[in-house]
Amino acid sequence: MDLKIETKLSYQLAAPADLLLQVEVARMAGQEVRHDALYTTPVEDFRRIPADAALGTRAWMRAEGLLELTYEADVTITRPDPDLGSLIGAAPRTLTGEATPFLMPSRYCPSDEFQAFVAAEFEGLGGGPLIAALRDWIEEKFSYVSGSSGPDTSARDTFVQRQGVCRDYAHVMIALARAGGVPARMASVYAPHVDPPDFHAVAEVWLSDAWHLVDATGMAKPSETAVMGVGRDAADVSFLTVFGSAELYFQKVSCLIES
């Protein structure tokens, strides 16, 4: 699957500010970046650093006034769509150092609060069958409603409200998976069928000794998804973090399947 990606961002910064950007597609197994380029209006101290889990990169910079950013990429996705129900979970004591941190509660995913619910609602399920059941349950019970949540909305809030956007679906998926003993993290991605077109958030779960993408919104297939980065929850994978004040002028995200 070949994807053509274009992101355009425009901000006004009233005073000099440091910014941390994460919009570039990661070079990793399952996806090949054939070409990409990042363009900005003049900035200071631009440099890239490894992102969380050494997956992808972030870019530091300092800017003032009008900041315009454009990212373009041509990406080939080679990962298949997994049969989640056939994947095997692992006992916590056998987890690798890579997976272990993602079994713990985090800022937006208080998984310890959902253990009783998962044990009762999905009794007898574990590993891949549990993840498949959780994904289907969230997709059925929740409504995708733009503007229904904010930057402080947690998995707990979304679970009660039964509505949200992609990051909220991902947070609930991650919290419930962890509550069921499956390490889970958030992945920031590009995908062609996201409506409205935007940066997209999905979950990644550790099954059969590997990470697998899971989108409870049903909008993104792993075989059509380009990953930018991963983290414990949305706090770790923001596409732009501003250490100061910035006003958004314009944002456009495009991810198209190349014919």
C-alpha atoms as a PDB file:
ATOM      1  CA  MET A   1       0.000   0.000   0.000  1.00  0.00           C
ATOM      2  CA  ASP A   2       1.530   3.335  -1.114  1.00  0.00           C
ATOM      3  CA  LEU A   3       0.545   6.533   0.701  1.00  0.00           C
ATOM      4  CA  LYS A   4       1.131  10.176  -0.199  1.00  0.00           C
ATOM      5  CA  ILE A   5       1.177  12.392   2.887  1.00  0.00           C
ATOM      6  CA  GLU A   6       1.145  16.164   3.206  1.00  0.00           C
ATOM      7  CA  THR A   7       0.840  18.217   6.399  1.00  0.00           C
ATOM      8  CA  LYS A   8       0.683  22.006   6.545  1.00  0.00           C
ATOM      9  CA  LEU A   9       0.700  23.971   9.823  1.00  0.00           C
ATOM     10  CA  SER A  10       0.707  27.722  10.421  1.00  0.00           C
ATOM     11  CA  TYR A  11       1.053  29.449  13.807  1.00  0.00           C
ATOM     12  CA  GLN A  12       1.593  32.965  15.121  1.00  0.00           C
ATOM     13  CA  LEU A  13       3.933  33.254  18.109  1.00  0.00           C
ATOM     14  CA  ALA A  14       3.775  36.579  19.934  1.00  0.00           C
ATOM     15  CA  ALA A  15       7.103  35.948  21.669  1.00  0.00           C
ATOM     16  CA  PRO A  16      10.060  33.609  21.117  1.00  0.00           C
ATOM     17  CA  ALA A  17       9.172  30.047  22.063  1.00  0.00           C
ATOM     18  CA  ASP A  18      10.740  26.595  21.974  1.00  0.00           C
ATOM     19  CA  LEU A  19       8.779  23.980  20.035  1.00  0.00           C
ATOM     20  CA  LEU A  20       8.909  20.192  19.827  1.00  0.00           C
ATOM     21  CA  LEU A  21       7.534  18.816  16.553  1.00  0.00           C
ATOM     22  CA  GLN A  22       6.624  15.213  15.725  1.00  0.00           C
ATOM     23  CA  VAL A  23       5.034  14.901  12.289  1.00  0.00           C
ATOM     24  CA  GLU A  24       7.612  12.869  10.348  1.00  0.00           C
ATOM     25  CA  VAL A  25       6.898   9.227   9.502  1.00  0.00           C
ATOM     26  CA  ALA A  26       9.103   6.833  11.447  1.00  0.00           C
ATOM     27  CA  ARG A  27      11.597   4.605   9.680  1.00  0.00           C
ATOM     28  CA  MET A  28      10.660   1.229  11.098  1.00  0.00           C
ATOM     29  CA  ALA A  29       9.622  -2.306  10.216  1.00  0.00           C
ATOM     30  CA  GLY A  30       6.307  -2.449   8.409  1.00  0.00           C
ATOM     31  CA  GLN A  31       6.697   0.825   6.530  1.00  0.00           C
ATOM     32  CA  GLU A  32       9.229   2.210   4.068  1.00  0.00           C
ATOM     33  CA  VAL A  33       9.719   5.961   3.685  1.00  0.00           C
ATOM     34  CA  ARG A  34      10.568   6.325  -0.006  1.00  0.00           C
ATOM     35  CA  HIS A  35      10.864  10.102   0.211  1.00  0.00           C
ATOM     36  CA  ASP A  36      10.119  12.774   2.769  1.00  0.00           C
ATOM     37  CA  ALA A  37      10.948  16.408   3.434  1.00  0.00           C
ATOM     38  CA  LEU A  38      10.226  18.970   6.148  1.00  0.00           C
ATOM     39  CA  TYR A  39      10.145  22.696   5.342  1.00  0.00           C
ATOM     40  CA  THR A  40       9.821  25.574   7.815  1.00  0.00           C
ATOM     41  CA  THR A  41       9.960  29.341   7.778  1.00  0.00           C
ATOM     42  CA  PRO A  42      13.213  30.558   9.399  1.00  0.00           C
ATOM     43  CA  VAL A  43      13.757  29.050  12.877  1.00  0.00           C
ATOM     44  CA  GLU A  44      16.672  28.843  15.297  1.00  0.00           C
ATOM     45  CA  ASP A  45      18.474  25.836  16.770  1.00  0.00           C
ATOM     46  CA  PHE A  46      16.716  23.231  14.654  1.00  0.00           C
ATOM     47  CA  ARG A  47      17.780  19.699  15.585  1.00  0.00           C
ATOM     48  CA  ARG A  48      16.257  16.219  15.606  1.00  0.00           C
ATOM     49  CA  ILE A  49      16.254  13.832  18.558  1.00  0.00           C
ATOM     50  CA  PRO A  50      15.057  10.221  18.924  1.00  0.00           C
ATOM     51  CA  ALA A  51      11.389   9.939  19.919  1.00  0.00           C
ATOM     52  CA  ASP A  52       9.980   7.661  22.633  1.00  0.00           C
ATOM     53  CA  ALA A  53      10.979   3.990  22.411  1.00  0.00           C
ATOM     54  CA  ALA A  54      13.590   5.128  19.836  1.00  0.00           C
ATOM     55  CA  LEU A  55      10.796   4.992  17.258  1.00  0.00           C
ATOM     56  CA  GLY A  56      10.861   7.934  14.862  1.00  0.00           C
ATOM     57  CA  THR A  57      12.203  11.401  15.572  1.00  0.00           C
ATOM     58  CA  ARG A  58      11.163  14.696  17.076  1.00  0.00           C
ATOM     59  CA  ALA A  59      12.493  18.097  16.076  1.00  0.00           C
ATOM     60  CA  TRP A  60      13.416  20.906  18.463  1.00  0.00           C
ATOM     61  CA  MET A  61      13.400  24.498  17.246  1.00  0.00           C
ATOM     62  CA  ARG A  62      12.931  28.056  18.436  1.00  0.00           C
ATOM     63  CA  ALA A  63      10.692  30.477  16.572  1.00  0.00           C
ATOM     64  CA  GLU A  64       8.925  33.830  16.795  1.00  0.00           C
ATOM     65  CA  GLY A  65       6.252  35.539  14.719  1.00  0.00           C
ATOM     66  CA  LEU A  66       4.753  33.585  11.823  1.00  0.00           C
ATOM     67  CA  LEU A  67       5.752  29.916  11.782  1.00  0.00           C
ATOM     68  CA  GLU A  68       4.798  27.773   8.795  1.00  0.00           C
ATOM     69  CA  LEU A  69       5.598  24.082   8.596  1.00  0.00           C
ATOM     70  CA  THR A  70       5.150  21.700   5.657  1.00  0.00           C
ATOM     71  CA  TYR A  71       5.875  17.975   5.711  1.00  0.00           C
ATOM     72  CA  GLU A  72       5.632  15.723   2.655  1.00  0.00           C
ATOM     73  CA  ALA A  73       6.197  11.985   2.427  1.00  0.00           C
ATOM     74  CA  ASP A  74       5.767   9.024   0.100  1.00  0.00           C
ATOM     75  CA  VAL A  75       5.446   5.848   2.154  1.00  0.00           C
ATOM     76  CA  THR A  76       4.957   2.173   1.346  1.00  0.00           C
ATOM     77  CA  ILE A  77       3.163   0.168   4.042  1.00  0.00           C
ATOM     78  CA  THR A  78       4.228  -3.492   4.178  1.00  0.00           C
ATOM     79  CA  ARG A  79       2.660  -4.638   7.480  1.00  0.00           C
ATOM     80  CA  PRO A  80      -0.333  -6.994   7.217  1.00  0.00           C
ATOM     81  CA  ASP A  81      -3.611  -6.721   9.061  1.00  0.00           C
ATOM     82  CA  PRO A  82      -3.272  -9.132  11.993  1.00  0.00           C
ATOM     83  CA  ASP A  83      -5.828 -11.695  13.080  1.00  0.00           C
ATOM     84  CA  LEU A  84      -5.996 -10.384  16.632  1.00  0.00           C
ATOM     85  CA  GLY A  85      -7.917 -13.374  17.921  1.00  0.00           C
ATOM     86  CA  SER A  86      -5.050 -15.697  17.059  1.00  0.00           C
ATOM     87  CA  LEU A  87      -2.362 -13.698  18.890  1.00  0.00           C
ATOM     88  CA  ILE A  88      -1.024 -14.848  22.235  1.00  0.00           C
ATOM     89  CA  GLY A  89      -0.743 -12.810  25.412  1.00  0.00           C
ATOM     90  CA  ALA A  90       2.083 -13.073  27.934  1.00  0.00           C
ATOM     91  CA  ALA A  91       2.096 -13.420  31.703  1.00  0.00           C
ATOM     92  CA  PRO A  92       3.303 -10.148  33.254  1.00  0.00           C
ATOM     93  CA  ARG A  93       6.362 -11.816  34.801  1.00  0.00           C
ATOM     94  CA  THR A  94       7.569 -12.879  31.334  1.00  0.00           C
ATOM     95  CA  LEU A  95       7.332  -9.454  29.666  1.00  0.00           C
ATOM     96  CA  THR A  96      10.365  -7.859  28.070  1.00  0.00           C
ATOM     97  CA  GLY A  97      11.841  -4.564  29.199  1.00  0.00           C
ATOM     98  CA  GLU A  98      10.345  -2.994  26.076  1.00  0.00           C
ATOM     99  CA  ALA A  99       6.791  -4.027  26.908  1.00  0.00           C
ATOM    100  CA  THR A 100       6.721  -3.821  30.717  1.00  0.00           C
ATOM    101  CA  PRO A 101       6.327   0.001  31.095  1.00  0.00           C
ATOM    102  CA  PHE A 102       3.195  -0.087  28.950  1.00  0.00           C
ATOM    103  CA  LEU A 103       1.374  -2.336  31.394  1.00  0.00           C
ATOM    104  CA  MET A 104       1.265   0.487  33.972  1.00  0.00           C
ATOM    105  CA  PRO A 105      -1.342   3.261  34.418  1.00  0.00           C
ATOM    106  CA  SER A 106      -0.477   6.621  32.882  1.00  0.00           C
ATOM    107  CA  ARG A 107      -1.805  10.184  32.928  1.00  0.00           C
ATOM    108  CA  TYR A 108      -4.710   9.688  30.510  1.00  0.00           C
ATOM    109  CA  CYS A 109      -5.068   5.934  30.933  1.00  0.00           C
ATOM    110  CA  PRO A 110      -5.762   5.027  34.604  1.00  0.00           C
ATOM    111  CA  SER A 111      -5.953   1.327  33.816  1.00  0.00           C
ATOM    112  CA  ASP A 112      -6.034   0.265  37.467  1.00  0.00           C
ATOM    113  CA  GLU A 113      -9.545   1.759  37.689  1.00  0.00           C
ATOM    114  CA  PHE A 114     -10.856  -0.600  34.982  1.00  0.00           C
ATOM    115  CA  GLN A 115      -9.616  -3.964  36.249  1.00  0.00           C
ATOM    116  CA  ALA A 116     -12.916  -4.959  37.865  1.00  0.00           C
ATOM    117  CA  PHE A 117     -14.896  -3.931  34.754  1.00  0.00           C
ATOM    118  CA  VAL A 118     -12.699  -5.913  32.356  1.00  0.00           C
ATOM    119  CA  ALA A 119     -12.701  -8.973  34.612  1.00  0.00           C
ATOM    120  CA  ALA A 120     -16.515  -8.939  34.840  1.00  0.00           C
ATOM    121  CA  GLU A 121     -17.474  -7.850  31.307  1.00  0.00           C
ATOM    122  CA  PHE A 122     -14.880  -9.971  29.471  1.00  0.00           C
ATOM    123  CA  GLU A 123     -14.619 -12.897  31.853  1.00  0.00           C
ATOM    124  CA  GLY A 124     -12.388 -15.712  30.671  1.00  0.00           C
ATOM    125  CA  LEU A 125     -10.782 -13.740  27.843  1.00  0.00           C
ATOM    126  CA  GLY A 126      -7.109 -12.864  27.563  1.00  0.00           C
ATOM    127  CA  GLY A 127      -4.451 -12.055  24.990  1.00  0.00           C
ATOM    128  CA  GLY A 128      -5.611 -11.560  21.413  1.00  0.00           C
ATOM    129  CA  PRO A 129      -9.230 -12.689  21.944  1.00  0.00           C
ATOM    130  CA  LEU A 130      -9.573 -10.090  24.709  1.00  0.00           C
ATOM    131  CA  ILE A 131      -8.140  -7.314  22.533  1.00  0.00           C
ATOM    132  CA  ALA A 132     -10.460  -8.214  19.652  1.00  0.00           C
ATOM    133  CA  ALA A 133     -13.447  -8.171  22.021  1.00  0.00           C
ATOM    134  CA  LEU A 134     -12.415  -4.833  23.539  1.00  0.00           C
ATOM    135  CA  ARG A 135     -11.991  -3.264  20.103  1.00  0.00           C
ATOM    136  CA  ASP A 136     -15.422  -4.441  18.973  1.00  0.00           C
ATOM    137  CA  TRP A 137     -17.070  -3.350  22.237  1.00  0.00           C
ATOM    138  CA  ILE A 138     -15.657   0.189  22.035  1.00  0.00           C
ATOM    139  CA  GLU A 139     -16.560   0.566  18.360  1.00  0.00           C
ATOM    140  CA  GLU A 140     -20.137  -0.539  19.131  1.00  0.00           C
ATOM    141  CA  LYS A 141     -20.728   1.389  22.372  1.00  0.00           C
ATOM    142  CA  PHE A 142     -19.026   4.720  21.638  1.00  0.00           C
ATOM    143  CA  SER A 143     -19.927   7.564  19.277  1.00  0.00           C
ATOM    144  CA  TYR A 144     -17.316   9.539  17.346  1.00  0.00           C
ATOM    145  CA  VAL A 145     -18.214  13.175  18.008  1.00  0.00           C
ATOM    146  CA  SER A 146     -15.851  15.974  16.982  1.00  0.00           C
ATOM    147  CA  GLY A 147     -15.381  18.596  19.687  1.00  0.00           C
ATOM    148  CA  SER A 148     -16.795  16.374  22.435  1.00  0.00           C
ATOM    149  CA  SER A 149     -13.529  16.208  24.389  1.00  0.00           C
ATOM    150  CA  GLY A 150     -10.589  18.415  25.269  1.00  0.00           C
ATOM    151  CA  PRO A 151      -6.893  18.202  26.103  1.00  0.00           C
ATOM    152  CA  ASP A 152      -7.630  17.100  29.682  1.00  0.00           C
ATOM    153  CA  THR A 153     -10.126  14.341  28.823  1.00  0.00           C
ATOM    154  CA  SER A 154      -9.000  10.983  30.195  1.00  0.00           C
ATOM    155  CA  ALA A 155     -10.063   7.407  29.441  1.00  0.00           C
ATOM    156  CA  ARG A 156     -12.211   7.597  32.587  1.00  0.00           C
ATOM    157  CA  ASP A 157     -14.092  10.637  31.240  1.00  0.00           C
ATOM    158  CA  THR A 158     -14.612   9.074  27.816  1.00  0.00           C
ATOM    159  CA  PHE A 159     -15.747   5.767  29.317  1.00  0.00           C
ATOM    160  CA  VAL A 160     -18.504   7.613  31.203  1.00  0.00           C
ATOM    161  CA  GLN A 161     -19.539   9.874  28.314  1.00  0.00           C
ATOM    162  CA  ARG A 162     -19.396   7.099  25.687  1.00  0.00           C
ATOM    163  CA  GLN A 163     -18.205   9.556  23.041  1.00  0.00           C
ATOM    164  CA  GLY A 164     -15.043  11.228  21.867  1.00  0.00           C
ATOM    165  CA  VAL A 165     -12.529  11.489  19.036  1.00  0.00           C
ATOM    166  CA  CYS A 166      -9.702   9.201  17.996  1.00  0.00           C
ATOM    167  CA  ARG A 167      -7.393   9.974  20.921  1.00  0.00           C
ATOM    168  CA  ASP A 168     -10.258   9.241  23.329  1.00  0.00           C
ATOM    169  CA  TYR A 169     -11.013   5.896  21.671  1.00  0.00           C
ATOM    170  CA  ALA A 170      -7.305   5.060  21.838  1.00  0.00           C
ATOM    171  CA  HIS A 171      -7.087   6.032  25.509  1.00  0.00           C
ATOM    172  CA  VAL A 172     -10.023   3.775  26.414  1.00  0.00           C
ATOM    173  CA  MET A 173      -8.587   0.916  24.339  1.00  0.00           C
ATOM    174  CA  ILE A 174      -5.201   1.295  26.032  1.00  0.00           C
ATOM    175  CA  ALA A 175      -6.654   1.529  29.544  1.00  0.00           C
ATOM    176  CA  LEU A 176      -8.870  -1.534  29.099  1.00  0.00           C
ATOM    177  CA  ALA A 177      -6.074  -3.567  27.491  1.00  0.00           C
ATOM    178  CA  ARG A 178      -3.705  -2.786  30.358  1.00  0.00           C
ATOM    179  CA  ALA A 179      -6.452  -3.606  32.843  1.00  0.00           C
ATOM    180  CA  GLY A 180      -6.697  -7.008  31.143  1.00  0.00           C
ATOM    181  CA  GLY A 181      -2.974  -7.627  31.441  1.00  0.00           C
ATOM    182  CA  VAL A 182      -1.955  -6.686  27.893  1.00  0.00           C
ATOM    183  CA  PRO A 183       0.724  -3.965  27.473  1.00  0.00           C
ATOM    184  CA  ALA A 184      -0.654  -1.142  25.338  1.00  0.00           C
ATOM    185  CA  ARG A 185       0.542   2.239  24.114  1.00  0.00           C
ATOM    186  CA  MET A 186      -0.623   5.059  21.860  1.00  0.00           C
ATOM    187  CA  ALA A 187       0.583   5.465  18.292  1.00  0.00           C
ATOM    188  CA  SER A 188       0.339   8.756  16.402  1.00  0.00           C
ATOM    189  CA  VAL A 189      -0.317   7.918  12.749  1.00  0.00           C
ATOM    190  CA  TYR A 190      -1.396   8.984   9.293  1.00  0.00           C
ATOM    191  CA  ALA A 191      -4.235   6.983   7.696  1.00  0.00           C
ATOM    192  CA  PRO A 192      -6.190   7.553   4.461  1.00  0.00           C
ATOM    193  CA  HIS A 193      -9.764   7.053   5.661  1.00  0.00           C
ATOM    194  CA  VAL A 194      -9.783   9.344   8.691  1.00  0.00           C
ATOM    195  CA  ASP A 195     -12.862  11.578   8.620  1.00  0.00           C
ATOM    196  CA  PRO A 196     -12.423  14.485   9.028  1.00  0.00           C
ATOM    197  CA  PRO A 197      -8.817  14.330   7.707  1.00  0.00           C
ATOM    198  CA  ASP A 198      -6.444  14.921  10.604  1.00  0.00           C
ATOM    199  CA  PHE A 199      -3.622  13.443  12.622  1.00  0.00           C
ATOM    200  CA  HIS A 200      -4.903  10.113  13.917  1.00  0.00           C
ATOM    201  CA  ALA A 201      -4.366   8.204  17.171  1.00  0.00           C
ATOM    202  CA  VAL A 202      -4.641   4.453  17.600  1.00  0.00           C
ATOM    203  CA  ALA A 203      -3.562   1.862  20.165  1.00  0.00           C
ATOM    204  CA  GLU A 204      -0.705  -0.596  19.892  1.00  0.00           C
ATOM    205  CA  VAL A 205      -0.792  -3.823  21.911  1.00  0.00           C
ATOM    206  CA  TRP A 206       1.954  -6.312  22.795  1.00  0.00           C
ATOM    207  CA  LEU A 207       0.901  -9.789  21.696  1.00  0.00           C
ATOM    208  CA  SER A 208       2.920 -12.769  20.402  1.00  0.00           C
ATOM    209  CA  ASP A 209       6.128 -10.883  21.325  1.00  0.00           C
ATOM    210  CA  ALA A 210       5.447  -7.960  18.971  1.00  0.00           C
ATOM    211  CA  TRP A 211       3.487  -4.700  18.739  1.00  0.00           C
ATOM    212  CA  HIS A 212       0.234  -4.662  16.768  1.00  0.00           C
ATOM    213  CA  LEU A 213      -1.873  -1.634  15.785  1.00  0.00           C
ATOM    214  CA  VAL A 214      -5.521  -1.572  16.884  1.00  0.00           C
ATOM    215  CA  ASP A 215      -7.980   1.187  15.931  1.00  0.00           C
ATOM    216  CA  ALA A 216     -11.226   1.070  17.890  1.00  0.00           C
ATOM    217  CA  THR A 217     -12.748   3.794  15.670  1.00  0.00           C
ATOM    218  CA  GLY A 218     -12.622   1.370  12.728  1.00  0.00           C
ATOM    219  CA  MET A 219     -11.177   4.066  10.443  1.00  0.00           C
ATOM    220  CA  ALA A 220      -7.578   2.833  10.083  1.00  0.00           C
ATOM    221  CA  LYS A 221      -6.301  -0.580   9.029  1.00  0.00           C
ATOM    222  CA  PRO A 222      -2.711  -1.457  10.052  1.00  0.00           C
ATOM    223  CA  SER A 223      -1.984  -2.229   6.378  1.00  0.00           C
ATOM    224  CA  GLU A 224      -2.869   1.391   5.489  1.00  0.00           C
ATOM    225  CA  THR A 225      -1.331   3.166   8.485  1.00  0.00           C
ATOM    226  CA  ALA A 226       1.925   5.152   8.667  1.00  0.00           C
ATOM    227  CA  VAL A 227       3.270   5.537  12.211  1.00  0.00           C
ATOM    228  CA  MET A 228       4.932   8.756  13.394  1.00  0.00           C
ATOM    229  CA  GLY A 229       5.657   7.819  16.998  1.00  0.00           C
ATOM    230  CA  VAL A 230       4.478   6.038  20.126  1.00  0.00           C
ATOM    231  CA  GLY A 231       4.125   6.757  23.836  1.00  0.00           C
ATOM    232  CA  ARG A 232       2.234   5.932  27.023  1.00  0.00           C
ATOM    233  CA  ASP A 233      -0.692   8.138  25.964  1.00  0.00           C
ATOM    234  CA  ALA A 234      -1.407  11.433  24.171  1.00  0.00           C
ATOM    235  CA  ALA A 235       0.959  13.358  26.425  1.00  0.00           C
ATOM    236  CA  ASP A 236       3.887  11.570  24.768  1.00  0.00           C
ATOM    237  CA  VAL A 237       2.900  11.833  21.099  1.00  0.00           C
ATOM    238  CA  SER A 238       1.667  15.376  20.542  1.00  0.00           C
ATOM    239  CA  PHE A 239       2.419  16.515  16.988  1.00  0.00           C
ATOM    240  CA  LEU A 240       3.491  19.930  18.339  1.00  0.00           C
ATOM    241  CA  THR A 241       4.322  20.989  21.882  1.00  0.00           C
ATOM    242  CA  VAL A 242       4.843  24.732  22.386  1.00  0.00           C
ATOM    243  CA  PHE A 243       6.802  25.975  25.397  1.00  0.00           C
ATOM    244  CA  GLY A 244       5.182  29.393  25.306  1.00  0.00           C
ATOM    245  CA  SER A 245       2.113  30.773  23.548  1.00  0.00           C
ATOM    246  CA  ALA A 246       0.995  30.125  19.963  1.00  0.00           C
ATOM    247  CA  GLU A 247      -2.145  30.858  17.952  1.00  0.00           C
ATOM    248  CA  LEU A 248      -3.131  28.349  15.282  1.00  0.00           C
ATOM    249  CA  TYR A 249      -3.830  29.963  11.903  1.00  0.00           C
ATOM    250  CA  PHE A 250      -4.088  26.945   9.634  1.00  0.00           C
ATOM    251  CA  GLN A 251      -3.858  23.151   9.745  1.00  0.00           C
ATOM    252  CA  LYS A 252      -4.277  20.649   6.932  1.00  0.00           C
ATOM    253  CA  VAL A 253      -3.461  16.946   7.007  1.00  0.00           C
ATOM    254  CA  SER A 254      -3.755  14.847   3.852  1.00  0.00           C
ATOM    255  CA  CYS A 255      -3.099  11.105   3.519  1.00  0.00           C
ATOM    256  CA  LEU A 256      -4.067   9.572   0.175  1.00  0.00           C
ATOM    257  CA  ILE A 257      -3.690   6.103  -1.312  1.00  0.00           C
ATOM    258  CA  GLU A 258      -1.564   6.308  -4.454  1.00  0.00           C
ATOM    259  CA  SER A 259      -3.047   4.544  -7.468  1.00  0.00           C
END
